[in-house]
Every structure is written in structure tokens, then in C-alpha cells.
Amino acid sequence: MIKSISIYSIAVAAFLTFALFTSYKSGDNPNTSSQTLSSKDSLDGKLPQIITGIDLNKQYSFAGENVPLNNFDVVERLDRELLVNSYWHSSTVQNIKLANRYLPTIANILNRNGVPEDFKYLAIAESGLRNVVSPAGAKGLWQFMKGTGQEYGLEVATEVDERYHLEKSTEAACKYLKKLKDRFGSWTLAAAAYNMGGSRLRKEMDAQKEDNYYDLNLNQETSRYIFRILAYKEIINNPARFGFQIDAKHLYKPLNDYVNIVVNTSISSWGDWAEQNGVTYRMLKVYNPWLISSKLTNNRGKEYLIKIPKK
């Protein structure tokens, strides 16, 4: 009896298995084709993408200074940053979109101050064109520390922090970069000093008896820094070459549609002020991120230009 039941159970199980297999093969299941494809791909170990290397057969330069690609170490360091940023899709797409918003303004200020336009890509390396705060306390697109920002004319206080002011912080960056260029003799070394600090760079140069950035053995951040800037320059100028197909309508538009309102008194509530001037508090802060408080104490009557979007 037990043997008969076992044989019967096996027969039933076999029939059900055959019926289930037949139902999937019959095409009644609307997901049959996708499941079959997924299964096949899994077995083949393939992913639906094409990964390629990058041809470096061209002359690269930063701020008019050529990159020595006759040095295999330099080639590999550049290759690394181009690969990282070519295949770090979400970050690079955001950089391209934000570049459309901010780089024209930054470039105009750099040109007006006699600083090579390539330094606009330094702002991407520093902050990704966002008003971020570093673990060390550096802030804004140009990542100024408090003391350095104040040294170059930025107001850094409890209610106003001009490290977040696009135009003023860029002007300050120009002054700082020109001073570094005078000190180190090349724009490439000026950029390196901007990243690691002038005193630290000079100490390494003296210890290593080297005066060329590409021959210096620096900390990992600064060693990659110029190459990261070069990668941003290449990708943003030639996005399609690196596989980024971004429609112009998807780029972030410059915030040029504003009017300036002069404020030379204290403001007890920026929320009330915004309402009185026909703008939301959110848009007030989007256009003026350097207003870091909900109020402004201005007992000395200092003049501020407040941007509000046009109606």
C-alpha cells in the first residue's frame, strides 16, 4: 500500500511538472519572453552595455601649459580620471547640466581678471558646482576656508556668508589664484597650491627638489587634482565623445532672469521681505544662497544687492 502510494505520488508530481513547463512554453504567460531573456543573459553572464577605453592620442593642456604625455605615469593618471568620470554617469551628467548654469558667469569673471578660463573647471573639482561644505569647513563653489575668504574680501559672518556668493567668491578666487601664480611661476602649480595649500606645496617641492607638478609625488588628492580638472574639461567640451547625449532642454538654465534690489537697512524677517517683494522665501534663498539667516542685522547701513527673479 505504501509502495503504491509512493508510485502514485511520483506520477502526480511528474504530471504537474510537465503541465507547468508546458504552460510556460505555450506563451500564455505575458512575461514569458522577458523571463526567458533574463534567464539566458544570466547564463551567458552578459550585461547590455559597451565599455571601451579612451584614446589619449592628442595634446592636452591646462591654462595654456601642455601636459607631458611622453611620460607613461602622466598618461595613466589622466586615463584614470577620464575613465572614472566617463563611467560615473549620474555625477557627470549633473556636472554637465550645472556647467550650463554657472560656467558662463565664472568664465566672464576669470577673463576680466586675467585668469585662464580653464580655471572654471577647478570649481567643478572643488565643489561639483554646488554650495557644499567640506569636513574641514571650506564652503561654497570655490571652497574657501573662513580666514582665506575674509583675506580676499568676502564677508563671512553669522547672517551673511559670501563664500556662497557666485560672483564675489569667483572674484576672490581670481585674486588668490593670481597670487599663487606669482609665487609658484606656473598656473598648474597655482592650481595644485589652491588644492593643498601654498606652504605645503612649497615644502614638498623643496624636499623633492622638483618644480614641475607632474614630477612631484604629492598626496593622493592633489596628485589626482589637475587630471580631474582636465577630465572635466574634456568631457564637458565633448560630451558626445564620451557617450553623454543630453538634450539642450535638459540642461540647467542660468539664473539670469533677476533684478537687483538695494538693501541698506536691517531686515527683521526675510520671509516678510520676500512676501512684500512678490517672491517666495525659497526663491530668495535660491538666488541669494549667501543670505544664511532668516534676518539681517545691518546697523552700519552696508549696501547689499539682493537678487529676485523677474515676474
C-alpha atoms as a PDB file:
ATOM      1  CA  MET A   1       0.000   0.000   0.000  1.00  0.00           C
ATOM      2  CA  ILE A   2       2.759   2.387   0.947  1.00  0.00           C
ATOM      3  CA  LYS A   3       4.669   1.491  -2.227  1.00  0.00           C
ATOM      4  CA  SER A   4       1.574   2.092  -4.354  1.00  0.00           C
ATOM      5  CA  ILE A   5       1.009   5.488  -2.759  1.00  0.00           C
ATOM      6  CA  SER A   6       4.641   6.448  -3.406  1.00  0.00           C
ATOM      7  CA  ILE A   7       4.399   5.463  -7.078  1.00  0.00           C
ATOM      8  CA  TYR A   8       1.137   7.403  -7.395  1.00  0.00           C
ATOM      9  CA  SER A   9       2.675  10.481  -5.753  1.00  0.00           C
ATOM     10  CA  ILE A  10       5.636  10.409  -8.081  1.00  0.00           C
ATOM     11  CA  ALA A  11       3.351  10.113 -11.104  1.00  0.00           C
ATOM     12  CA  VAL A  12       1.239  13.073  -9.975  1.00  0.00           C
ATOM     13  CA  ALA A  13       4.326  15.198  -9.316  1.00  0.00           C
ATOM     14  CA  ALA A  14       5.726  14.367 -12.733  1.00  0.00           C
ATOM     15  CA  PHE A  15       2.454  15.286 -14.424  1.00  0.00           C
ATOM     16  CA  LEU A  16       2.248  18.648 -12.607  1.00  0.00           C
ATOM     17  CA  THR A  17       5.849  19.471 -13.503  1.00  0.00           C
ATOM     18  CA  PHE A  18       5.183  18.666 -17.167  1.00  0.00           C
ATOM     19  CA  ALA A  19       1.981  20.758 -17.155  1.00  0.00           C
ATOM     20  CA  LEU A  20       3.751  23.734 -15.571  1.00  0.00           C
ATOM     21  CA  PHE A  21       6.606  23.538 -18.066  1.00  0.00           C
ATOM     22  CA  THR A  22       4.163  23.286 -20.970  1.00  0.00           C
ATOM     23  CA  SER A  23       2.193  26.317 -19.783  1.00  0.00           C
ATOM     24  CA  TYR A  24       5.328  28.485 -19.772  1.00  0.00           C
ATOM     25  CA  LYS A  25       6.378  27.237 -23.193  1.00  0.00           C
ATOM     26  CA  SER A  26       2.916  27.832 -24.645  1.00  0.00           C
ATOM     27  CA  GLY A  27       3.316  31.627 -24.417  1.00  0.00           C
ATOM     28  CA  ASP A  28       0.165  32.123 -22.265  1.00  0.00           C
ATOM     29  CA  ASN A  29       2.245  33.998 -19.696  1.00  0.00           C
ATOM     30  CA  PRO A  30       2.637  37.645 -20.899  1.00  0.00           C
ATOM     31  CA  ASN A  31       6.073  37.837 -19.218  1.00  0.00           C
ATOM     32  CA  THR A  32       7.422  34.709 -20.879  1.00  0.00           C
ATOM     33  CA  SER A  33       9.762  36.467 -23.315  1.00  0.00           C
ATOM     34  CA  SER A  34      11.334  38.766 -20.713  1.00  0.00           C
ATOM     35  CA  GLN A  35      11.827  35.898 -18.274  1.00  0.00           C
ATOM     36  CA  THR A  36      13.417  33.782 -20.969  1.00  0.00           C
ATOM     37  CA  LEU A  37      15.733  36.666 -21.949  1.00  0.00           C
ATOM     38  CA  SER A  38      16.735  37.313 -18.361  1.00  0.00           C
ATOM     39  CA  SER A  39      17.483  33.673 -17.814  1.00  0.00           C
ATOM     40  CA  LYS A  40      19.587  33.487 -20.964  1.00  0.00           C
ATOM     41  CA  ASP A  41      21.507  36.638 -20.104  1.00  0.00           C
ATOM     42  CA  SER A  42      22.159  35.324 -16.633  1.00  0.00           C
ATOM     43  CA  LEU A  43      23.553  32.106 -18.045  1.00  0.00           C
ATOM     44  CA  ASP A  44      25.695  33.929 -20.587  1.00  0.00           C
ATOM     45  CA  GLY A  45      26.991  36.366 -17.959  1.00  0.00           C
ATOM     46  CA  LYS A  46      26.408  39.368 -20.235  1.00  0.00           C
ATOM     47  CA  LEU A  47      25.288  42.920 -19.434  1.00  0.00           C
ATOM     48  CA  PRO A  48      23.622  45.144 -22.053  1.00  0.00           C
ATOM     49  CA  GLN A  49      26.363  47.772 -22.238  1.00  0.00           C
ATOM     50  CA  ILE A  50      29.532  48.576 -24.138  1.00  0.00           C
ATOM     51  CA  ILE A  51      32.616  49.588 -22.153  1.00  0.00           C
ATOM     52  CA  THR A  52      35.564  50.990 -24.070  1.00  0.00           C
ATOM     53  CA  GLY A  53      38.900  52.575 -23.306  1.00  0.00           C
ATOM     54  CA  ILE A  54      39.691  56.208 -24.136  1.00  0.00           C
ATOM     55  CA  ASP A  55      42.023  57.288 -26.907  1.00  0.00           C
ATOM     56  CA  LEU A  56      44.544  59.763 -25.475  1.00  0.00           C
ATOM     57  CA  ASN A  57      46.234  60.408 -28.811  1.00  0.00           C
ATOM     58  CA  LYS A  58      46.039  64.218 -28.691  1.00  0.00           C
ATOM     59  CA  GLN A  59      47.736  67.099 -26.937  1.00  0.00           C
ATOM     60  CA  TYR A  60      46.192  68.050 -23.609  1.00  0.00           C
ATOM     61  CA  SER A  61      46.824  71.330 -21.858  1.00  0.00           C
ATOM     62  CA  PHE A  62      45.779  73.192 -18.744  1.00  0.00           C
ATOM     63  CA  ALA A  63      45.717  77.005 -18.721  1.00  0.00           C
ATOM     64  CA  GLY A  64      47.936  77.065 -21.803  1.00  0.00           C
ATOM     65  CA  GLU A  65      50.514  74.714 -20.257  1.00  0.00           C
ATOM     66  CA  ASN A  66      50.999  71.392 -22.055  1.00  0.00           C
ATOM     67  CA  VAL A  67      50.568  68.071 -20.274  1.00  0.00           C
ATOM     68  CA  PRO A  68      53.724  65.907 -20.797  1.00  0.00           C
ATOM     69  CA  LEU A  69      52.161  62.801 -22.334  1.00  0.00           C
ATOM     70  CA  ASN A  70      55.588  61.389 -23.172  1.00  0.00           C
ATOM     71  CA  ASN A  71      55.601  60.246 -19.531  1.00  0.00           C
ATOM     72  CA  PHE A  72      53.705  56.943 -19.070  1.00  0.00           C
ATOM     73  CA  ASP A  73      52.847  57.852 -15.463  1.00  0.00           C
ATOM     74  CA  VAL A  74      51.160  61.068 -16.612  1.00  0.00           C
ATOM     75  CA  VAL A  75      49.230  59.184 -19.301  1.00  0.00           C
ATOM     76  CA  GLU A  76      47.938  56.639 -16.796  1.00  0.00           C
ATOM     77  CA  ARG A  77      46.914  59.300 -14.276  1.00  0.00           C
ATOM     78  CA  LEU A  78      44.984  61.199 -16.933  1.00  0.00           C
ATOM     79  CA  ASP A  79      43.459  57.978 -18.227  1.00  0.00           C
ATOM     80  CA  ARG A  80      42.228  57.147 -14.721  1.00  0.00           C
ATOM     81  CA  GLU A  81      40.333  60.413 -14.288  1.00  0.00           C
ATOM     82  CA  LEU A  82      38.820  60.277 -17.768  1.00  0.00           C
ATOM     83  CA  LEU A  83      37.612  56.730 -17.131  1.00  0.00           C
ATOM     84  CA  VAL A  84      36.261  57.479 -13.657  1.00  0.00           C
ATOM     85  CA  ASN A  85      34.286  60.482 -14.836  1.00  0.00           C
ATOM     86  CA  SER A  86      33.162  58.888 -18.103  1.00  0.00           C
ATOM     87  CA  TYR A  87      31.585  55.958 -16.300  1.00  0.00           C
ATOM     88  CA  TRP A  88      30.417  57.746 -13.145  1.00  0.00           C
ATOM     89  CA  HIS A  89      27.256  58.597 -15.019  1.00  0.00           C
ATOM     90  CA  SER A  90      24.965  60.327 -12.529  1.00  0.00           C
ATOM     91  CA  SER A  91      27.670  62.641 -11.198  1.00  0.00           C
ATOM     92  CA  THR A  92      28.986  63.593 -14.631  1.00  0.00           C
ATOM     93  CA  VAL A  93      25.511  64.253 -16.046  1.00  0.00           C
ATOM     94  CA  GLN A  94      24.844  66.636 -13.142  1.00  0.00           C
ATOM     95  CA  ASN A  95      28.186  68.358 -13.750  1.00  0.00           C
ATOM     96  CA  ILE A  96      27.291  68.887 -17.409  1.00  0.00           C
ATOM     97  CA  LYS A  97      23.869  70.280 -16.531  1.00  0.00           C
ATOM     98  CA  LEU A  98      25.203  72.625 -13.837  1.00  0.00           C
ATOM     99  CA  ALA A  99      28.061  73.735 -16.075  1.00  0.00           C
ATOM    100  CA  ASN A 100      25.486  75.282 -18.381  1.00  0.00           C
ATOM    101  CA  ARG A 101      24.180  77.352 -15.475  1.00  0.00           C
ATOM    102  CA  TYR A 102      27.374  78.549 -13.834  1.00  0.00           C
ATOM    103  CA  LEU A 103      30.378  78.324 -16.160  1.00  0.00           C
ATOM    104  CA  PRO A 104      29.480  81.260 -18.441  1.00  0.00           C
ATOM    105  CA  THR A 105      29.363  83.635 -15.446  1.00  0.00           C
ATOM    106  CA  ILE A 106      32.555  82.183 -13.973  1.00  0.00           C
ATOM    107  CA  ALA A 107      34.358  82.385 -17.332  1.00  0.00           C
ATOM    108  CA  ASN A 108      33.444  86.052 -17.757  1.00  0.00           C
ATOM    109  CA  ILE A 109      34.871  86.907 -14.341  1.00  0.00           C
ATOM    110  CA  LEU A 110      38.053  84.884 -14.948  1.00  0.00           C
ATOM    111  CA  ASN A 111      38.614  86.615 -18.281  1.00  0.00           C
ATOM    112  CA  ARG A 112      38.024  90.038 -16.787  1.00  0.00           C
ATOM    113  CA  ASN A 113      40.663  89.318 -14.138  1.00  0.00           C
ATOM    114  CA  GLY A 114      43.288  87.844 -16.441  1.00  0.00           C
ATOM    115  CA  VAL A 115      42.946  84.278 -15.131  1.00  0.00           C
ATOM    116  CA  PRO A 116      42.887  81.463 -17.743  1.00  0.00           C
ATOM    117  CA  GLU A 117      39.401  80.218 -18.488  1.00  0.00           C
ATOM    118  CA  ASP A 118      40.411  76.621 -17.722  1.00  0.00           C
ATOM    119  CA  PHE A 119      40.112  77.520 -14.048  1.00  0.00           C
ATOM    120  CA  LYS A 120      36.346  77.347 -14.366  1.00  0.00           C
ATOM    121  CA  TYR A 121      36.801  73.569 -14.273  1.00  0.00           C
ATOM    122  CA  LEU A 122      38.645  73.913 -10.979  1.00  0.00           C
ATOM    123  CA  ALA A 123      35.333  74.977  -9.433  1.00  0.00           C
ATOM    124  CA  ILE A 124      33.859  71.655 -10.553  1.00  0.00           C
ATOM    125  CA  ALA A 125      36.767  69.763  -8.994  1.00  0.00           C
ATOM    126  CA  GLU A 126      36.318  71.701  -5.763  1.00  0.00           C
ATOM    127  CA  SER A 127      32.556  71.516  -5.305  1.00  0.00           C
ATOM    128  CA  GLY A 128      30.756  69.960  -8.246  1.00  0.00           C
ATOM    129  CA  LEU A 129      29.340  73.492  -8.739  1.00  0.00           C
ATOM    130  CA  ARG A 130      27.290  73.176  -5.571  1.00  0.00           C
ATOM    131  CA  ASN A 131      27.417  75.172  -2.359  1.00  0.00           C
ATOM    132  CA  VAL A 132      28.829  72.311  -0.343  1.00  0.00           C
ATOM    133  CA  VAL A 133      30.663  72.277   2.986  1.00  0.00           C
ATOM    134  CA  SER A 134      33.845  70.216   3.353  1.00  0.00           C
ATOM    135  CA  PRO A 135      34.706  68.262   6.518  1.00  0.00           C
ATOM    136  CA  ALA A 136      37.349  70.945   7.210  1.00  0.00           C
ATOM    137  CA  GLY A 137      34.780  73.746   6.953  1.00  0.00           C
ATOM    138  CA  ALA A 138      35.534  75.062   3.454  1.00  0.00           C
ATOM    139  CA  LYS A 139      32.376  76.386   1.815  1.00  0.00           C
ATOM    140  CA  GLY A 140      30.883  77.408  -1.495  1.00  0.00           C
ATOM    141  CA  LEU A 141      31.665  76.655  -5.126  1.00  0.00           C
ATOM    142  CA  TRP A 142      35.293  77.679  -4.615  1.00  0.00           C
ATOM    143  CA  GLN A 143      35.633  76.004  -1.197  1.00  0.00           C
ATOM    144  CA  PHE A 144      37.111  78.890   0.751  1.00  0.00           C
ATOM    145  CA  MET A 145      38.058  78.451   4.380  1.00  0.00           C
ATOM    146  CA  LYS A 146      36.763  81.253   6.576  1.00  0.00           C
ATOM    147  CA  GLY A 147      40.088  83.037   7.057  1.00  0.00           C
ATOM    148  CA  THR A 148      41.096  82.832   3.400  1.00  0.00           C
ATOM    149  CA  GLY A 149      37.697  84.097   2.290  1.00  0.00           C
ATOM    150  CA  GLN A 150      37.938  87.093   4.593  1.00  0.00           C
ATOM    151  CA  GLU A 151      41.514  87.745   3.477  1.00  0.00           C
ATOM    152  CA  TYR A 152      40.295  88.104  -0.096  1.00  0.00           C
ATOM    153  CA  GLY A 153      37.399  90.396   0.694  1.00  0.00           C
ATOM    154  CA  LEU A 154      34.466  88.118   1.430  1.00  0.00           C
ATOM    155  CA  GLU A 155      32.097  88.819   4.302  1.00  0.00           C
ATOM    156  CA  VAL A 156      31.826  85.716   6.474  1.00  0.00           C
ATOM    157  CA  ALA A 157      29.505  86.255   9.427  1.00  0.00           C
ATOM    158  CA  THR A 158      26.528  84.680  11.175  1.00  0.00           C
ATOM    159  CA  GLU A 159      23.927  86.135   8.802  1.00  0.00           C
ATOM    160  CA  VAL A 160      25.913  86.634   5.602  1.00  0.00           C
ATOM    161  CA  ASP A 161      28.463  84.264   4.089  1.00  0.00           C
ATOM    162  CA  GLU A 162      29.757  85.477   0.742  1.00  0.00           C
ATOM    163  CA  ARG A 163      31.629  82.255   0.140  1.00  0.00           C
ATOM    164  CA  TYR A 164      28.214  81.243  -1.250  1.00  0.00           C
ATOM    165  CA  HIS A 165      28.023  84.333  -3.482  1.00  0.00           C
ATOM    166  CA  LEU A 166      28.808  83.222  -7.041  1.00  0.00           C
ATOM    167  CA  GLU A 167      30.208  86.477  -8.375  1.00  0.00           C
ATOM    168  CA  LYS A 168      32.000  87.677  -5.257  1.00  0.00           C
ATOM    169  CA  SER A 169      33.573  84.311  -4.441  1.00  0.00           C
ATOM    170  CA  THR A 170      34.783  83.988  -8.044  1.00  0.00           C
ATOM    171  CA  GLU A 171      36.376  87.433  -7.833  1.00  0.00           C
ATOM    172  CA  ALA A 172      38.092  86.334  -4.611  1.00  0.00           C
ATOM    173  CA  ALA A 173      39.277  83.100  -6.259  1.00  0.00           C
ATOM    174  CA  CYS A 174      40.835  85.159  -9.072  1.00  0.00           C
ATOM    175  CA  LYS A 175      42.831  87.239  -6.587  1.00  0.00           C
ATOM    176  CA  TYR A 176      44.009  84.139  -4.758  1.00  0.00           C
ATOM    177  CA  LEU A 177      44.965  82.263  -7.935  1.00  0.00           C
ATOM    178  CA  LYS A 178      46.954  85.189  -9.317  1.00  0.00           C
ATOM    179  CA  LYS A 179      48.865  85.421  -6.057  1.00  0.00           C
ATOM    180  CA  LEU A 180      49.643  81.693  -6.239  1.00  0.00           C
ATOM    181  CA  LYS A 181      50.753  82.038  -9.864  1.00  0.00           C
ATOM    182  CA  ASP A 182      53.162  84.821  -8.870  1.00  0.00           C
ATOM    183  CA  ARG A 183      54.511  82.655  -6.071  1.00  0.00           C
ATOM    184  CA  PHE A 184      54.986  79.373  -7.966  1.00  0.00           C
ATOM    185  CA  GLY A 185      55.541  80.546 -11.531  1.00  0.00           C
ATOM    186  CA  SER A 186      53.012  78.344 -13.343  1.00  0.00           C
ATOM    187  CA  TRP A 187      49.237  78.075 -13.457  1.00  0.00           C
ATOM    188  CA  THR A 188      49.439  74.306 -12.978  1.00  0.00           C
ATOM    189  CA  LEU A 189      51.329  74.704  -9.714  1.00  0.00           C
ATOM    190  CA  ALA A 190      48.942  77.518  -8.720  1.00  0.00           C
ATOM    191  CA  ALA A 191      46.039  75.079  -9.106  1.00  0.00           C
ATOM    192  CA  ALA A 192      47.870  72.452  -7.067  1.00  0.00           C
ATOM    193  CA  ALA A 193      48.581  75.026  -4.351  1.00  0.00           C
ATOM    194  CA  TYR A 194      44.918  76.037  -4.356  1.00  0.00           C
ATOM    195  CA  ASN A 195      44.073  72.447  -3.507  1.00  0.00           C
ATOM    196  CA  MET A 196      46.713  71.588  -0.900  1.00  0.00           C
ATOM    197  CA  GLY A 197      47.857  74.996   0.319  1.00  0.00           C
ATOM    198  CA  GLY A 198      50.869  77.021  -0.755  1.00  0.00           C
ATOM    199  CA  SER A 199      53.028  76.264   2.272  1.00  0.00           C
ATOM    200  CA  ARG A 200      52.553  72.508   1.986  1.00  0.00           C
ATOM    201  CA  LEU A 201      53.298  72.556  -1.731  1.00  0.00           C
ATOM    202  CA  ARG A 202      56.461  74.611  -1.250  1.00  0.00           C
ATOM    203  CA  LYS A 203      57.638  72.195   1.452  1.00  0.00           C
ATOM    204  CA  GLU A 204      57.178  69.225  -0.888  1.00  0.00           C
ATOM    205  CA  MET A 205      58.902  70.996  -3.766  1.00  0.00           C
ATOM    206  CA  ASP A 206      61.895  71.839  -1.604  1.00  0.00           C
ATOM    207  CA  ALA A 207      62.120  68.320  -0.162  1.00  0.00           C
ATOM    208  CA  GLN A 208      61.826  66.607  -3.552  1.00  0.00           C
ATOM    209  CA  LYS A 209      63.963  69.132  -5.451  1.00  0.00           C
ATOM    210  CA  GLU A 210      61.263  69.375  -8.125  1.00  0.00           C
ATOM    211  CA  ASP A 211      59.454  72.377  -9.599  1.00  0.00           C
ATOM    212  CA  ASN A 212      57.159  70.580 -12.058  1.00  0.00           C
ATOM    213  CA  TYR A 213      53.733  69.400 -10.881  1.00  0.00           C
ATOM    214  CA  TYR A 214      53.852  66.240 -12.990  1.00  0.00           C
ATOM    215  CA  ASP A 215      57.153  65.154 -11.418  1.00  0.00           C
ATOM    216  CA  LEU A 216      56.078  65.749  -7.830  1.00  0.00           C
ATOM    217  CA  ASN A 217      54.980  62.923  -5.542  1.00  0.00           C
ATOM    218  CA  LEU A 218      52.082  64.552  -3.687  1.00  0.00           C
ATOM    219  CA  ASN A 219      49.185  63.386  -1.550  1.00  0.00           C
ATOM    220  CA  GLN A 220      46.560  61.413  -3.454  1.00  0.00           C
ATOM    221  CA  GLU A 221      44.030  64.261  -3.608  1.00  0.00           C
ATOM    222  CA  THR A 222      46.452  66.774  -5.125  1.00  0.00           C
ATOM    223  CA  SER A 223      48.191  64.165  -7.271  1.00  0.00           C
ATOM    224  CA  ARG A 224      44.842  63.497  -8.987  1.00  0.00           C
ATOM    225  CA  TYR A 225      43.660  67.101  -8.916  1.00  0.00           C
ATOM    226  CA  ILE A 226      44.948  68.520 -12.221  1.00  0.00           C
ATOM    227  CA  PHE A 227      43.983  65.331 -14.045  1.00  0.00           C
ATOM    228  CA  ARG A 228      40.474  65.537 -12.637  1.00  0.00           C
ATOM    229  CA  ILE A 229      40.222  69.121 -13.895  1.00  0.00           C
ATOM    230  CA  LEU A 230      41.458  68.002 -17.322  1.00  0.00           C
ATOM    231  CA  ALA A 231      38.849  65.240 -17.371  1.00  0.00           C
ATOM    232  CA  TYR A 232      36.043  67.698 -16.619  1.00  0.00           C
ATOM    233  CA  LYS A 233      37.339  69.984 -19.352  1.00  0.00           C
ATOM    234  CA  GLU A 234      37.380  67.203 -21.941  1.00  0.00           C
ATOM    235  CA  ILE A 235      34.005  65.693 -21.077  1.00  0.00           C
ATOM    236  CA  ILE A 236      32.089  68.955 -20.750  1.00  0.00           C
ATOM    237  CA  ASN A 237      33.508  70.268 -24.032  1.00  0.00           C
ATOM    238  CA  ASN A 238      32.908  66.977 -25.872  1.00  0.00           C
ATOM    239  CA  PRO A 239      30.117  65.132 -24.033  1.00  0.00           C
ATOM    240  CA  ALA A 240      29.040  63.058 -27.045  1.00  0.00           C
ATOM    241  CA  ARG A 241      32.568  61.701 -27.469  1.00  0.00           C
ATOM    242  CA  PHE A 242      32.226  60.174 -24.009  1.00  0.00           C
ATOM    243  CA  GLY A 243      28.722  58.837 -24.547  1.00  0.00           C
ATOM    244  CA  PHE A 244      26.701  61.626 -22.919  1.00  0.00           C
ATOM    245  CA  GLN A 245      23.732  62.536 -25.110  1.00  0.00           C
ATOM    246  CA  ILE A 246      21.981  65.331 -23.213  1.00  0.00           C
ATOM    247  CA  ASP A 247      19.321  67.385 -24.929  1.00  0.00           C
ATOM    248  CA  ALA A 248      19.801  71.137 -24.557  1.00  0.00           C
ATOM    249  CA  LYS A 249      16.361  71.457 -22.974  1.00  0.00           C
ATOM    250  CA  HIS A 250      17.528  69.263 -20.091  1.00  0.00           C
ATOM    251  CA  LEU A 251      20.468  71.495 -19.177  1.00  0.00           C
ATOM    252  CA  TYR A 252      20.027  73.734 -16.132  1.00  0.00           C
ATOM    253  CA  LYS A 253      19.382  77.286 -17.244  1.00  0.00           C
ATOM    254  CA  PRO A 254      21.486  80.199 -15.921  1.00  0.00           C
ATOM    255  CA  LEU A 255      19.786  82.236 -13.203  1.00  0.00           C
ATOM    256  CA  ASN A 256      19.971  85.439 -15.218  1.00  0.00           C
ATOM    257  CA  ASP A 257      16.293  86.372 -15.052  1.00  0.00           C
ATOM    258  CA  TYR A 258      16.513  88.614 -11.991  1.00  0.00           C
ATOM    259  CA  VAL A 259      16.505  92.203 -10.836  1.00  0.00           C
ATOM    260  CA  ASN A 260      18.632  93.663  -8.052  1.00  0.00           C
ATOM    261  CA  ILE A 261      17.068  95.352  -5.061  1.00  0.00           C
ATOM    262  CA  VAL A 262      19.309  97.500  -2.878  1.00  0.00           C
ATOM    263  CA  VAL A 263      19.085  96.808   0.853  1.00  0.00           C
ATOM    264  CA  ASN A 264      20.962  99.082   3.254  1.00  0.00           C
ATOM    265  CA  THR A 265      18.918  98.604   6.424  1.00  0.00           C
ATOM    266  CA  SER A 266      18.289  95.775   8.853  1.00  0.00           C
ATOM    267  CA  ILE A 267      15.722  93.163   7.808  1.00  0.00           C
ATOM    268  CA  SER A 268      13.854  91.603  10.727  1.00  0.00           C
ATOM    269  CA  SER A 269      12.393  88.812   8.595  1.00  0.00           C
ATOM    270  CA  TRP A 270      13.486  87.751   5.133  1.00  0.00           C
ATOM    271  CA  GLY A 271      10.221  85.852   4.890  1.00  0.00           C
ATOM    272  CA  ASP A 272       8.211  89.073   5.288  1.00  0.00           C
ATOM    273  CA  TRP A 273      10.583  90.908   2.962  1.00  0.00           C
ATOM    274  CA  ALA A 274      10.206  88.220   0.296  1.00  0.00           C
ATOM    275  CA  GLU A 275       6.422  88.366   0.501  1.00  0.00           C
ATOM    276  CA  GLN A 276       6.445  92.159   0.214  1.00  0.00           C
ATOM    277  CA  ASN A 277       8.604  91.905  -2.908  1.00  0.00           C
ATOM    278  CA  GLY A 278       6.500  89.254  -4.603  1.00  0.00           C
ATOM    279  CA  VAL A 279       8.855  86.321  -4.297  1.00  0.00           C
ATOM    280  CA  THR A 280       8.845  83.144  -2.217  1.00  0.00           C
ATOM    281  CA  TYR A 281      11.316  82.673   0.609  1.00  0.00           C
ATOM    282  CA  ARG A 282      12.652  79.611  -1.216  1.00  0.00           C
ATOM    283  CA  MET A 283      13.405  81.570  -4.402  1.00  0.00           C
ATOM    284  CA  LEU A 284      15.002  84.350  -2.355  1.00  0.00           C
ATOM    285  CA  LYS A 285      17.472  81.787  -0.973  1.00  0.00           C
ATOM    286  CA  VAL A 286      17.982  80.052  -4.346  1.00  0.00           C
ATOM    287  CA  TYR A 287      19.034  83.348  -5.939  1.00  0.00           C
ATOM    288  CA  ASN A 288      20.902  84.558  -2.837  1.00  0.00           C
ATOM    289  CA  PRO A 289      22.386  81.499  -1.068  1.00  0.00           C
ATOM    290  CA  TRP A 290      24.830  83.788   0.764  1.00  0.00           C
ATOM    291  CA  LEU A 291      21.931  85.013   2.966  1.00  0.00           C
ATOM    292  CA  ILE A 292      22.358  82.268   5.541  1.00  0.00           C
ATOM    293  CA  SER A 293      19.955  83.570   8.208  1.00  0.00           C
ATOM    294  CA  SER A 294      16.266  84.398   8.336  1.00  0.00           C
ATOM    295  CA  LYS A 295      17.135  88.027   9.122  1.00  0.00           C
ATOM    296  CA  LEU A 296      19.796  90.692   8.523  1.00  0.00           C
ATOM    297  CA  THR A 297      21.291  92.903  11.215  1.00  0.00           C
ATOM    298  CA  ASN A 298      22.719  95.850   9.346  1.00  0.00           C
ATOM    299  CA  ASN A 299      23.326  98.611  11.878  1.00  0.00           C
ATOM    300  CA  ARG A 300      26.084 100.216   9.788  1.00  0.00           C
ATOM    301  CA  GLY A 301      23.926 100.640   6.727  1.00  0.00           C
ATOM    302  CA  LYS A 302      26.045  98.430   4.465  1.00  0.00           C
ATOM    303  CA  GLU A 303      24.638  98.141   0.949  1.00  0.00           C
ATOM    304  CA  TYR A 304      23.659  94.713  -0.324  1.00  0.00           C
ATOM    305  CA  LEU A 305      22.280  93.805  -3.752  1.00  0.00           C
ATOM    306  CA  ILE A 306      19.523  91.221  -3.412  1.00  0.00           C
ATOM    307  CA  LYS A 307      18.535  89.270  -6.496  1.00  0.00           C
ATOM    308  CA  ILE A 308      14.883  88.415  -7.042  1.00  0.00           C
ATOM    309  CA  PRO A 309      13.554  86.588 -10.103  1.00  0.00           C
ATOM    310  CA  LYS A 310      11.657  88.651 -12.617  1.00  0.00           C
ATOM    311  CA  LYS A 311       7.907  88.211 -12.559  1.00  0.00           C
END
